[in-house]
Amino acid sequence: MSNYIKGATGDWEVVLGLEVHAQVLSNAKLFSGAATDFGSAPNSQVSLVDAGFPGMLPVINDHCVEQAVRTGLGLKAKINYWSRFDRKNYFYADLPNGYQISQFKDPIVGEGRLLLDMPDGSTREIGITRLHLEQDAGKSLHDQHPNLTFVDLNRAGVALMEIVSEPDMRSSEEAALYLTKLRTVLRYLGTCDGNMEEGSMRADVNVSVRRPGGDLGTRCEIKNVNSIRFVRAAIEYEARRQIDVIEDGGTIKQETRLFDSTKGVTRSMRSKEEAHDYRYFPDPDLLPLELDPAWVEAIAAGLPELPDEKKARLVADYGIKPYDAAVLVAEREPADFFEAVAKGRDSKLAAAWIMGDYFAMLNRLGKSVVDSPVSAQALGGLIDLIADNTISGRIAKEVFEAMVETGEEPAAIVERQGLRQVTDTGSIEKSIDEVLDRHADKVAEYRSGKDKLFGFFVGQVMKATQGKANPAAVNEILLKKLQG
C-alpha cells in the first residue's frame, strides 16, 4: 500500500527519523547518588553535583552504563568498548552548569536495528544509528506565580538514553509502530519503564518531504512530543504544512518546531542549531569509558527472551498467526498469560479468547492482566468445557461474564445454572421440527431457492434451546430436514 501524500501538484513522500529520549531505570542519577523517584516534592532529589556547585565532580553510575549496554544488545547493535563524554554548551535556566554532559562523537552504542510488526503480518526493519548516554536538564515552572518562574532540579542529572533512528520511516503509522515496538523492547529489557505520561520516554521527530524516490528534502525537528498519538498528529500536520509551502513556491527552513497538542499544529521554536553552536569538547572531569568485553558478554548471556524471539517461538510452538503473536508479545504479561492458558489446549482457541473477550473485558474494567478478575487457570477451564462439548461457544460467553462478576470457576457456573450443552440428537431433532412447523412459510421460501434463510432457522433452534444445542448437530440435522 502506498504511503504517498496527495498534493496539488502530485504525490509526495514523507521521510521520518526519530530521536527518542528514554529515561534509564535506575535508583540514582547518571553522575550523582541523588534519587530519581517520579512525583517527589520539587528540589527534594538534588545533590550538589546536580545543582552545579563549584568544585563538584561527576562520578559515573555503572548501573546506568550497564542499562545502556543491555539496551544496545537488545537492539542488536554494536557495543563500543571505548566511548567518551563531552560537554554540550548551551543556556537553559534549568541547566545549572550551563552545559549538558552527553556523548557526541563517541557514543557507547553504535548501529543496530528494530523490527516493526506490520498490520499485514509482515515485518519492516528500521535502522538504529546510535544510542548515547546523557544527563537530563531540570524543569522550569511558569505557572506557580504571575511574575516569577521557579526551577525544579529533580530531573537535573537523570540518566537518559538517546536512541536515534535512521530516516527509514515513511508514514505516521510507521512512526507509531516504531515507538510502540521500542517501548516494548525497553520494557522487556527492564531498562526504561516507557511511561510517556511521566516524561520517561519522549520523542524528537525529524520530518521532511520529497517527491517519491527523489532527493531528501530539508527537515524540521519537532521537539519533545510525549505521546504516540501526538507523534502521529504532529507528523501529519507538519508533512502537509511542508507540502503546502513548497507547492506555493516557498522553501522549507531547517528549524526546530514545537507541537501544540491543543490546536493540533506545529509552530516555529528556533532556527536549527549546528554542532559547532554547542561548542562540544571532551568533559575534563570524566575519563573515557572503557568496557571489558567479558563484562559485556555476561550481560548478553543474561538477556531475557525478547519480543521478536518470543513471537517466533509462539508461532512455531503454538501454531498461531504472526499478527496474533505480535499482539500477544507487545507486553510480557499477556504473552505469559497466553502460554499459561494455551499449554496443553487448543492454542488458536486460547489466542482468540484472550484477544477477544478477555482483552475487551480488561479494557472495559480498566484493568491489566496483573489485576485481572479472571486467572489463566479459570480461562483455561472455560476452554476445556468448550473443547469437550460441555458448553457451546455461545454459552461460553455467558459463563465468562459470570466468571468476571462472581469470580467462580466456570465448571461450577455451568452446573449451577444448568448450562450443559444438549448433544442428544433426539431432543435437538424435536426442537428443529417445532421450529420448522412454526415457520412453514419460510421453509417453502428456502426450498424455492432462498438459501440465506438457513441462518434464520439455526438462530430459531438455538433460541428455542436457550443456546444449549450443539451447533454442529443442529446444522447437520437441520440441513437434512430442509432438503426433505
Protein backbone atom coordinates (compact mmCIF):
# COMPACT_ATOMS: atom_id res chain seq x y z
CA MET A 1 0.00 0.00 0.00
CA SER A 2 1.36 3.43 -0.94
CA ASN A 3 2.14 5.92 1.83
CA TYR A 4 2.26 8.84 -0.61
CA ILE A 5 0.50 12.08 0.27
CA LYS A 6 -1.57 13.75 -2.43
CA GLY A 7 -0.60 17.34 -3.13
CA ALA A 8 -1.96 19.90 -5.61
CA THR A 9 0.93 19.14 -7.99
CA GLY A 10 1.24 15.37 -7.46
CA ASP A 11 2.36 12.79 -4.93
CA TRP A 12 4.75 13.44 -2.04
CA GLU A 13 6.67 11.10 0.23
CA VAL A 14 7.33 11.87 3.90
CA VAL A 15 10.70 10.90 5.36
CA LEU A 16 10.89 10.40 9.14
CA GLY A 17 13.61 9.79 11.68
CA LEU A 18 13.08 9.71 15.46
CA GLU A 19 15.33 10.64 18.36
CA VAL A 20 13.87 9.03 21.47
CA HIS A 21 14.93 10.09 24.96
CA ALA A 22 14.41 7.09 27.23
CA GLN A 23 14.99 7.56 30.95
CA VAL A 24 17.23 4.83 32.33
CA LEU A 25 15.59 2.72 35.04
CA SER A 26 17.93 3.47 37.92
CA ASN A 27 17.54 4.48 41.54
CA ALA A 28 20.29 7.09 41.19
CA LYS A 29 21.24 9.73 38.61
CA LEU A 30 23.93 9.38 35.95
CA PHE A 31 26.68 11.25 37.81
CA SER A 32 25.40 11.53 41.39
CA GLY A 33 23.71 9.43 44.07
CA ALA A 34 20.53 11.56 44.15
CA ALA A 35 17.23 9.66 43.86
CA THR A 36 15.10 9.58 40.70
CA ASP A 37 11.58 8.87 42.07
CA PHE A 38 8.79 10.37 39.97
CA GLY A 39 6.43 12.85 41.61
CA SER A 40 8.62 13.84 44.57
CA ALA A 41 8.47 17.35 46.04
CA PRO A 42 10.36 19.93 43.94
CA ASN A 43 14.11 20.06 44.56
CA SER A 44 13.96 17.19 47.07
CA GLN A 45 16.26 14.99 44.95
CA VAL A 46 19.16 17.28 44.12
CA SER A 47 22.79 16.72 45.03
CA LEU A 48 25.49 19.39 44.91
CA VAL A 49 26.67 17.85 41.62
CA ASP A 50 23.18 18.21 40.09
CA ALA A 51 22.96 21.83 41.29
CA GLY A 52 26.30 22.66 39.61
CA PHE A 53 28.08 23.81 42.75
CA PRO A 54 31.74 24.81 42.19
CA GLY A 55 34.27 22.08 42.81
CA MET A 56 31.80 19.20 42.48
CA LEU A 57 32.99 16.29 40.33
CA PRO A 58 30.71 13.85 38.46
CA VAL A 59 31.11 10.12 39.18
CA ILE A 60 29.70 7.70 36.63
CA ASN A 61 26.85 5.41 37.75
CA ASP A 62 27.93 1.98 36.49
CA HIS A 63 24.34 0.65 36.66
CA CYS A 64 23.31 3.25 34.06
CA VAL A 65 26.20 2.13 31.86
CA GLU A 66 25.05 -1.49 32.21
CA GLN A 67 21.49 -0.48 31.29
CA ALA A 68 22.73 1.26 28.14
CA VAL A 69 24.71 -1.82 27.13
CA ARG A 70 21.68 -4.08 27.78
CA THR A 71 19.58 -1.82 25.57
CA GLY A 72 22.20 -1.84 22.83
CA LEU A 73 22.35 -5.63 22.89
CA GLY A 74 18.55 -5.79 22.80
CA LEU A 75 18.57 -3.59 19.69
CA LYS A 76 21.10 -5.94 18.02
CA ALA A 77 23.51 -3.02 17.99
CA LYS A 78 27.27 -2.69 18.02
CA ILE A 79 28.64 -2.07 21.52
CA ASN A 80 31.54 0.37 21.51
CA TYR A 81 34.11 -0.74 24.07
CA TRP A 82 35.54 2.80 24.14
CA SER A 83 33.32 5.85 24.41
CA ARG A 84 33.66 9.36 25.74
CA PHE A 85 31.59 12.05 27.42
CA ASP A 86 31.53 15.61 26.05
CA ARG A 87 30.20 18.89 27.30
CA LYS A 88 27.37 20.30 25.19
CA ASN A 89 27.26 24.01 25.99
CA TYR A 90 24.04 25.99 25.88
CA PHE A 91 22.00 28.18 28.19
CA TYR A 92 18.81 26.96 29.81
CA ALA A 93 17.59 28.50 33.06
CA ASP A 94 17.13 24.96 34.43
CA LEU A 95 20.62 23.74 33.40
CA PRO A 96 22.78 24.80 36.36
CA ASN A 97 26.17 24.00 34.83
CA GLY A 98 25.45 25.80 31.55
CA TYR A 99 26.31 22.56 29.76
CA GLN A 100 24.92 19.06 29.41
CA ILE A 101 27.20 16.03 29.74
CA SER A 102 26.46 13.91 26.68
CA GLN A 103 28.22 11.71 24.13
CA PHE A 104 28.77 13.44 20.80
CA LYS A 105 31.39 11.76 18.63
CA ASP A 106 31.92 8.52 20.51
CA PRO A 107 28.63 7.00 21.77
CA ILE A 108 28.50 3.85 23.87
CA VAL A 109 26.28 2.04 21.32
CA GLY A 110 26.55 2.12 17.52
CA GLU A 111 24.36 0.87 14.69
CA GLY A 112 21.51 -1.55 15.38
CA ARG A 113 18.01 -2.35 14.15
CA LEU A 114 14.40 -2.64 15.21
CA LEU A 115 11.77 -4.81 13.50
CA LEU A 116 8.29 -3.35 13.10
CA ASP A 117 5.34 -5.76 13.15
CA MET A 118 3.16 -4.54 10.30
CA PRO A 119 -0.65 -4.96 10.33
CA ASP A 120 -0.50 -7.44 7.43
CA GLY A 121 1.72 -9.79 9.47
CA SER A 122 4.97 -8.83 7.69
CA THR A 123 7.94 -7.12 9.34
CA ARG A 124 9.86 -3.98 8.39
CA GLU A 125 13.38 -3.20 9.57
CA ILE A 126 14.25 0.29 10.83
CA GLY A 127 17.90 1.15 11.31
CA ILE A 128 19.23 2.45 14.62
CA THR A 129 22.04 4.96 14.12
CA ARG A 130 23.32 5.15 17.70
CA LEU A 131 22.46 5.16 21.38
CA HIS A 132 24.27 7.54 23.67
CA LEU A 133 24.06 8.35 27.36
CA GLU A 134 23.42 11.88 28.57
CA GLN A 135 22.04 13.74 31.58
CA ASP A 136 18.63 15.42 31.63
CA ALA A 137 18.07 19.10 32.45
CA GLY A 138 15.81 20.43 35.21
CA LYS A 139 12.34 21.85 34.71
CA SER A 140 11.16 25.48 34.64
CA LEU A 141 7.76 26.07 36.28
CA HIS A 142 5.96 29.03 34.74
CA ASP A 143 2.53 28.52 36.29
CA GLN A 144 3.31 28.89 40.02
CA HIS A 145 3.43 32.69 40.21
CA PRO A 146 2.18 35.56 37.98
CA ASN A 147 5.58 37.25 37.71
CA LEU A 148 8.15 34.59 38.58
CA THR A 149 9.49 31.36 37.12
CA PHE A 150 10.57 28.64 39.52
CA VAL A 151 13.07 25.90 38.80
CA ASP A 152 12.79 22.25 39.88
CA LEU A 153 16.09 20.36 39.60
CA ASN A 154 14.76 16.90 40.48
CA ARG A 155 15.27 15.78 36.88
CA ALA A 156 18.65 17.50 36.52
CA GLY A 157 21.24 14.78 36.03
CA VAL A 158 18.76 11.93 35.49
CA ALA A 159 20.26 9.42 33.01
CA LEU A 160 18.79 9.37 29.52
CA MET A 161 19.46 7.07 26.60
CA GLU A 162 19.06 8.99 23.37
CA ILE A 163 18.17 6.40 20.73
CA VAL A 164 18.49 7.81 17.20
CA SER A 165 16.90 6.06 14.23
CA GLU A 166 17.83 6.19 10.57
CA PRO A 167 15.36 8.20 8.41
CA ASP A 168 13.70 4.92 7.39
CA MET A 169 10.06 5.60 8.26
CA ARG A 170 7.58 6.76 5.62
CA SER A 171 4.32 7.41 7.46
CA SER A 172 2.93 8.46 10.82
CA GLU A 173 1.67 4.88 11.24
CA GLU A 174 5.23 3.53 10.92
CA ALA A 175 6.48 6.11 13.42
CA ALA A 176 3.77 4.98 15.87
CA LEU A 177 4.71 1.32 15.33
CA TYR A 178 8.39 2.20 15.87
CA LEU A 179 7.72 3.94 19.19
CA THR A 180 5.43 1.14 20.33
CA LYS A 181 7.97 -1.56 19.49
CA LEU A 182 10.87 0.37 21.01
CA ARG A 183 8.91 0.82 24.23
CA THR A 184 8.12 -2.91 24.26
CA VAL A 185 11.79 -3.84 23.87
CA LEU A 186 12.86 -1.42 26.62
CA ARG A 187 10.24 -2.82 28.99
CA TYR A 188 11.26 -6.41 28.29
CA LEU A 189 14.88 -5.44 28.99
CA GLY A 190 13.92 -3.55 32.16
CA THR A 191 15.99 -0.53 31.10
CA CYS A 192 13.16 2.06 30.82
CA ASP A 193 9.56 1.95 32.04
CA GLY A 194 8.35 3.70 28.85
CA ASN A 195 5.79 5.81 30.73
CA MET A 196 5.42 8.70 28.29
CA GLU A 197 2.86 10.44 30.52
CA GLU A 198 5.55 10.72 33.23
CA GLY A 199 8.14 12.01 30.77
CA SER A 200 10.35 8.93 30.98
CA MET A 201 10.10 8.47 27.21
CA ARG A 202 9.67 11.30 24.71
CA ALA A 203 10.49 11.81 21.06
CA ASP A 204 12.02 14.43 18.80
CA VAL A 205 10.59 13.82 15.32
CA ASN A 206 12.52 14.79 12.17
CA VAL A 207 10.15 15.39 9.25
CA SER A 208 10.88 16.17 5.60
CA VAL A 209 9.02 15.64 2.33
CA ARG A 210 10.20 14.85 -1.19
CA ARG A 211 8.91 13.62 -4.50
CA PRO A 212 8.68 9.78 -4.43
CA GLY A 213 12.22 8.43 -4.72
CA GLY A 214 13.72 11.94 -5.08
CA ASP A 215 16.46 13.69 -3.11
CA LEU A 216 15.92 14.23 0.60
CA GLY A 217 14.16 17.46 1.50
CA THR A 218 15.05 19.93 4.24
CA ARG A 219 13.98 18.56 7.58
CA CYS A 220 12.33 20.18 10.56
CA GLU A 221 12.64 18.76 14.06
CA ILE A 222 9.58 18.65 16.30
CA LYS A 223 10.81 18.63 19.91
CA ASN A 224 9.68 16.68 22.95
CA VAL A 225 6.48 15.02 21.77
CA ASN A 226 5.22 12.99 24.72
CA SER A 227 2.61 10.59 23.39
CA ILE A 228 2.31 8.26 20.43
CA ARG A 229 -0.99 9.87 19.46
CA PHE A 230 0.62 13.31 19.41
CA VAL A 231 3.57 11.99 17.37
CA ARG A 232 1.14 10.83 14.69
CA ALA A 233 -0.78 14.10 14.73
CA ALA A 234 2.41 16.22 14.63
CA ILE A 235 3.79 14.29 11.64
CA GLU A 236 0.55 14.53 9.68
CA TYR A 237 0.28 18.29 10.26
CA GLU A 238 3.96 19.02 9.59
CA ALA A 239 4.12 16.96 6.37
CA ARG A 240 1.06 18.73 4.99
CA ARG A 241 2.48 22.14 6.03
CA GLN A 242 5.76 21.48 4.21
CA ILE A 243 3.97 20.29 1.06
CA ASP A 244 1.78 23.42 1.02
CA VAL A 245 4.80 25.70 1.48
CA ILE A 246 6.71 24.09 -1.39
CA GLU A 247 3.72 23.93 -3.73
CA ASP A 248 3.09 27.64 -3.04
CA GLY A 249 6.63 28.41 -4.26
CA GLY A 250 8.28 28.70 -0.84
CA THR A 251 11.20 26.81 0.70
CA ILE A 252 11.50 24.85 3.94
CA LYS A 253 13.82 26.35 6.55
CA GLN A 254 15.70 23.91 8.75
CA GLU A 255 14.41 24.68 12.22
CA THR A 256 13.20 23.27 15.50
CA ARG A 257 9.43 23.34 16.00
CA LEU A 258 7.01 22.61 18.84
CA PHE A 259 3.74 20.69 18.61
CA ASP A 260 0.69 22.41 20.10
CA SER A 261 -1.49 19.45 21.07
CA THR A 262 -4.48 21.70 21.82
CA LYS A 263 -4.57 23.25 18.34
CA GLY A 264 -3.03 20.23 16.57
CA VAL A 265 -0.38 22.38 14.84
CA THR A 266 3.41 22.79 14.86
CA ARG A 267 5.00 26.22 15.26
CA SER A 268 8.50 27.54 14.97
CA MET A 269 10.65 27.42 18.13
CA ARG A 270 14.13 28.38 16.88
CA SER A 271 16.48 28.06 13.93
CA LYS A 272 18.18 24.71 14.00
CA GLU A 273 21.50 24.76 15.84
CA GLU A 274 24.51 23.05 14.34
CA ALA A 275 27.06 21.05 16.31
CA HIS A 276 29.55 23.95 16.35
CA ASP A 277 26.94 26.15 18.05
CA TYR A 278 27.12 23.88 21.09
CA ARG A 279 30.94 24.18 21.30
CA TYR A 280 31.34 20.49 22.16
CA PHE A 281 34.54 19.44 23.89
CA PRO A 282 35.54 16.37 25.95
CA ASP A 283 34.50 16.66 29.60
CA PRO A 284 37.78 17.12 31.51
CA ASP A 285 36.26 15.70 34.71
CA LEU A 286 35.45 12.30 33.20
CA LEU A 287 37.81 9.68 31.83
CA PRO A 288 36.82 7.87 28.63
CA LEU A 289 34.56 4.88 29.27
CA GLU A 290 36.31 1.57 28.58
CA LEU A 291 34.26 -1.63 28.74
CA ASP A 292 35.59 -5.13 29.47
CA PRO A 293 34.42 -7.47 26.65
CA ALA A 294 33.87 -10.26 29.18
CA TRP A 295 31.54 -7.97 31.17
CA VAL A 296 29.56 -7.19 28.02
CA GLU A 297 29.36 -10.90 27.16
CA ALA A 298 28.00 -11.64 30.63
CA ILE A 299 25.26 -9.03 30.14
CA ALA A 300 24.41 -10.55 26.74
CA ALA A 301 24.16 -14.01 28.30
CA GLY A 302 21.65 -12.70 30.86
CA LEU A 303 19.24 -11.03 28.43
CA PRO A 304 15.63 -12.20 28.63
CA GLU A 305 13.74 -13.63 25.66
CA LEU A 306 12.88 -10.51 23.64
CA PRO A 307 9.64 -9.80 21.72
CA ASP A 308 10.88 -10.87 18.26
CA GLU A 309 12.22 -14.17 19.55
CA LYS A 310 9.13 -14.77 21.69
CA LYS A 311 6.86 -14.01 18.72
CA ALA A 312 8.74 -16.51 16.51
CA ARG A 313 8.54 -19.15 19.23
CA LEU A 314 4.80 -18.68 19.78
CA VAL A 315 4.18 -19.07 16.04
CA ALA A 316 6.36 -22.19 15.87
CA ASP A 317 5.26 -23.86 19.12
CA TYR A 318 1.58 -22.93 19.20
CA GLY A 319 0.75 -22.52 15.51
CA ILE A 320 -0.89 -19.12 15.91
CA LYS A 321 -0.78 -16.36 13.28
CA PRO A 322 2.23 -13.97 13.26
CA TYR A 323 -0.08 -10.99 13.76
CA ASP A 324 -1.74 -12.64 16.78
CA ALA A 325 1.68 -13.48 18.21
CA ALA A 326 2.83 -9.87 17.71
CA VAL A 327 -0.21 -8.60 19.63
CA LEU A 328 0.32 -11.07 22.47
CA VAL A 329 4.04 -10.27 22.94
CA ALA A 330 3.52 -6.49 22.89
CA GLU A 331 3.75 -6.74 26.69
CA ARG A 332 5.38 -9.51 28.65
CA GLU A 333 2.41 -10.26 30.95
CA PRO A 334 -0.17 -11.05 28.19
CA ALA A 335 2.38 -13.31 26.48
CA ASP A 336 2.97 -15.23 29.72
CA PHE A 337 -0.80 -15.37 30.30
CA PHE A 338 -1.34 -16.83 26.83
CA GLU A 339 1.22 -19.55 27.39
CA ALA A 340 -0.34 -20.46 30.73
CA VAL A 341 -3.79 -20.78 29.09
CA ALA A 342 -2.68 -22.46 25.84
CA LYS A 343 -0.38 -25.10 27.30
CA GLY A 344 -1.96 -28.49 26.56
CA ARG A 345 -5.04 -26.90 24.95
CA ASP A 346 -6.28 -25.65 21.59
CA SER A 347 -3.83 -22.74 21.28
CA LYS A 348 -5.71 -20.99 18.46
CA LEU A 349 -8.90 -21.04 20.54
CA ALA A 350 -6.92 -19.73 23.52
CA ALA A 351 -5.49 -16.87 21.41
CA ALA A 352 -8.94 -16.00 20.06
CA TRP A 353 -10.45 -15.85 23.56
CA ILE A 354 -7.61 -13.78 25.01
CA MET A 355 -7.53 -11.29 22.12
CA GLY A 356 -11.32 -11.12 22.01
CA ASP A 357 -13.50 -11.37 25.12
CA TYR A 358 -10.62 -11.29 27.62
CA PHE A 359 -8.90 -8.12 26.33
CA ALA A 360 -12.31 -6.47 25.84
CA MET A 361 -13.14 -7.22 29.48
CA LEU A 362 -9.83 -5.71 30.67
CA ASN A 363 -10.45 -2.57 28.61
CA ARG A 364 -14.00 -2.26 29.92
CA LEU A 365 -12.90 -2.58 33.55
CA GLY A 366 -9.69 -0.55 33.15
CA LYS A 367 -7.63 -3.46 34.45
CA SER A 368 -4.45 -5.21 33.33
CA VAL A 369 -3.51 -8.87 33.13
CA VAL A 370 -1.82 -8.49 36.51
CA ASP A 371 -5.03 -7.48 38.36
CA SER A 372 -7.49 -9.32 36.12
CA PRO A 373 -10.55 -10.89 37.80
CA VAL A 374 -10.11 -13.99 35.58
CA SER A 375 -7.00 -16.10 36.10
CA ALA A 376 -5.22 -18.11 33.42
CA GLN A 377 -6.35 -21.29 35.17
CA ALA A 378 -10.00 -20.19 35.10
CA LEU A 379 -9.93 -19.18 31.43
CA GLY A 380 -8.19 -22.46 30.62
CA GLY A 381 -11.01 -24.28 32.43
CA LEU A 382 -13.58 -22.48 30.30
CA ILE A 383 -11.76 -23.50 27.11
CA ASP A 384 -11.70 -27.10 28.38
CA LEU A 385 -15.51 -27.02 28.71
CA ILE A 386 -15.79 -25.81 25.09
CA ALA A 387 -13.33 -28.40 23.84
CA ASP A 388 -15.13 -31.37 25.43
CA ASN A 389 -18.53 -30.11 24.20
CA THR A 390 -19.84 -29.44 27.70
CA ILE A 391 -20.87 -25.95 26.54
CA SER A 392 -21.18 -24.21 23.18
CA GLY A 393 -19.20 -21.12 22.20
CA ARG A 394 -22.30 -19.01 22.68
CA ILE A 395 -22.95 -20.30 26.21
CA ALA A 396 -19.23 -19.87 26.97
CA LYS A 397 -19.63 -16.11 26.58
CA GLU A 398 -22.38 -16.10 29.23
CA VAL A 399 -20.24 -18.25 31.53
CA PHE A 400 -17.28 -15.90 31.01
CA GLU A 401 -19.32 -12.86 32.05
CA ALA A 402 -20.46 -14.76 35.16
CA MET A 403 -16.81 -15.58 35.93
CA VAL A 404 -15.94 -11.87 35.74
CA GLU A 405 -18.82 -10.89 38.02
CA THR A 406 -18.57 -13.66 40.61
CA GLY A 407 -15.03 -15.00 40.42
CA GLU A 408 -16.48 -18.53 40.34
CA GLU A 409 -14.87 -21.38 38.44
CA PRO A 410 -16.52 -21.99 35.02
CA ALA A 411 -17.48 -25.61 35.78
CA ALA A 412 -19.35 -24.53 38.92
CA ILE A 413 -21.27 -21.85 36.97
CA VAL A 414 -22.25 -24.34 34.27
CA GLU A 415 -23.58 -26.83 36.83
CA ARG A 416 -25.38 -24.26 38.97
CA GLN A 417 -27.11 -22.62 36.02
CA GLY A 418 -27.79 -25.85 34.10
CA LEU A 419 -25.89 -24.70 31.02
CA ARG A 420 -24.60 -28.04 29.78
CA GLN A 421 -24.78 -28.39 26.03
CA VAL A 422 -27.54 -30.57 24.60
CA THR A 423 -25.98 -33.28 22.45
CA ASP A 424 -28.96 -35.64 22.47
CA THR A 425 -29.86 -35.73 18.77
CA GLY A 426 -33.42 -36.81 19.54
CA SER A 427 -34.02 -33.73 21.66
CA ILE A 428 -32.40 -31.46 19.03
CA GLU A 429 -34.49 -33.05 16.26
CA LYS A 430 -37.65 -32.38 18.23
CA SER A 431 -36.76 -28.70 18.61
CA ILE A 432 -35.98 -28.43 14.90
CA ASP A 433 -39.32 -29.99 13.96
CA GLU A 434 -41.14 -27.47 16.16
CA VAL A 435 -39.29 -24.56 14.55
CA LEU A 436 -39.98 -25.81 11.01
CA ASP A 437 -43.68 -26.31 11.79
CA ARG A 438 -43.89 -22.80 13.21
CA HIS A 439 -42.26 -21.25 10.13
CA ALA A 440 -43.74 -23.31 7.30
CA ASP A 441 -43.86 -20.27 5.00
CA LYS A 442 -40.11 -19.69 5.34
CA VAL A 443 -39.45 -23.38 4.81
CA ALA A 444 -41.23 -23.07 1.47
CA GLU A 445 -39.13 -19.99 0.62
CA TYR A 446 -35.93 -21.86 1.49
CA ARG A 447 -36.89 -24.83 -0.66
CA SER A 448 -37.64 -22.47 -3.56
CA GLY A 449 -34.03 -21.28 -3.51
CA LYS A 450 -33.72 -18.72 -0.69
CA ASP A 451 -30.66 -20.40 0.88
CA LYS A 452 -29.81 -17.47 3.14
CA LEU A 453 -32.74 -18.43 5.39
CA PHE A 454 -30.65 -21.31 6.76
CA GLY A 455 -29.09 -18.97 9.31
CA PHE A 456 -32.54 -17.86 10.40
CA PHE A 457 -33.55 -21.45 11.20
CA VAL A 458 -30.30 -22.07 13.09
CA GLY A 459 -30.96 -18.98 15.16
CA GLN A 460 -34.51 -20.06 15.95
CA VAL A 461 -33.37 -23.52 17.07
CA MET A 462 -30.63 -22.06 19.27
CA LYS A 463 -33.17 -19.65 20.74
CA ALA A 464 -35.61 -22.49 21.41
CA THR A 465 -32.89 -24.48 23.20
CA GLN A 466 -31.62 -21.42 25.08
CA GLY A 467 -28.32 -21.72 23.23
CA LYS A 468 -27.62 -25.16 24.65
CA ALA A 469 -27.98 -27.22 21.47
CA ASN A 470 -24.76 -28.50 19.94
CA PRO A 471 -24.29 -26.23 16.88
CA ALA A 472 -22.71 -28.93 14.71
CA ALA A 473 -25.59 -31.32 15.37
CA VAL A 474 -28.13 -28.55 14.73
CA ASN A 475 -26.54 -27.72 11.38
CA GLU A 476 -26.37 -31.34 10.26
CA ILE A 477 -29.93 -32.33 11.25
CA LEU A 478 -31.47 -29.06 10.07
CA LEU A 479 -29.87 -29.32 6.63
CA LYS A 480 -31.19 -32.84 6.13
CA LYS A 481 -34.70 -31.84 7.14
CA LEU A 482 -34.78 -28.74 4.94
CA GLN A 483 -33.57 -30.74 1.98
CA GLY A 484 -36.54 -33.02 2.57
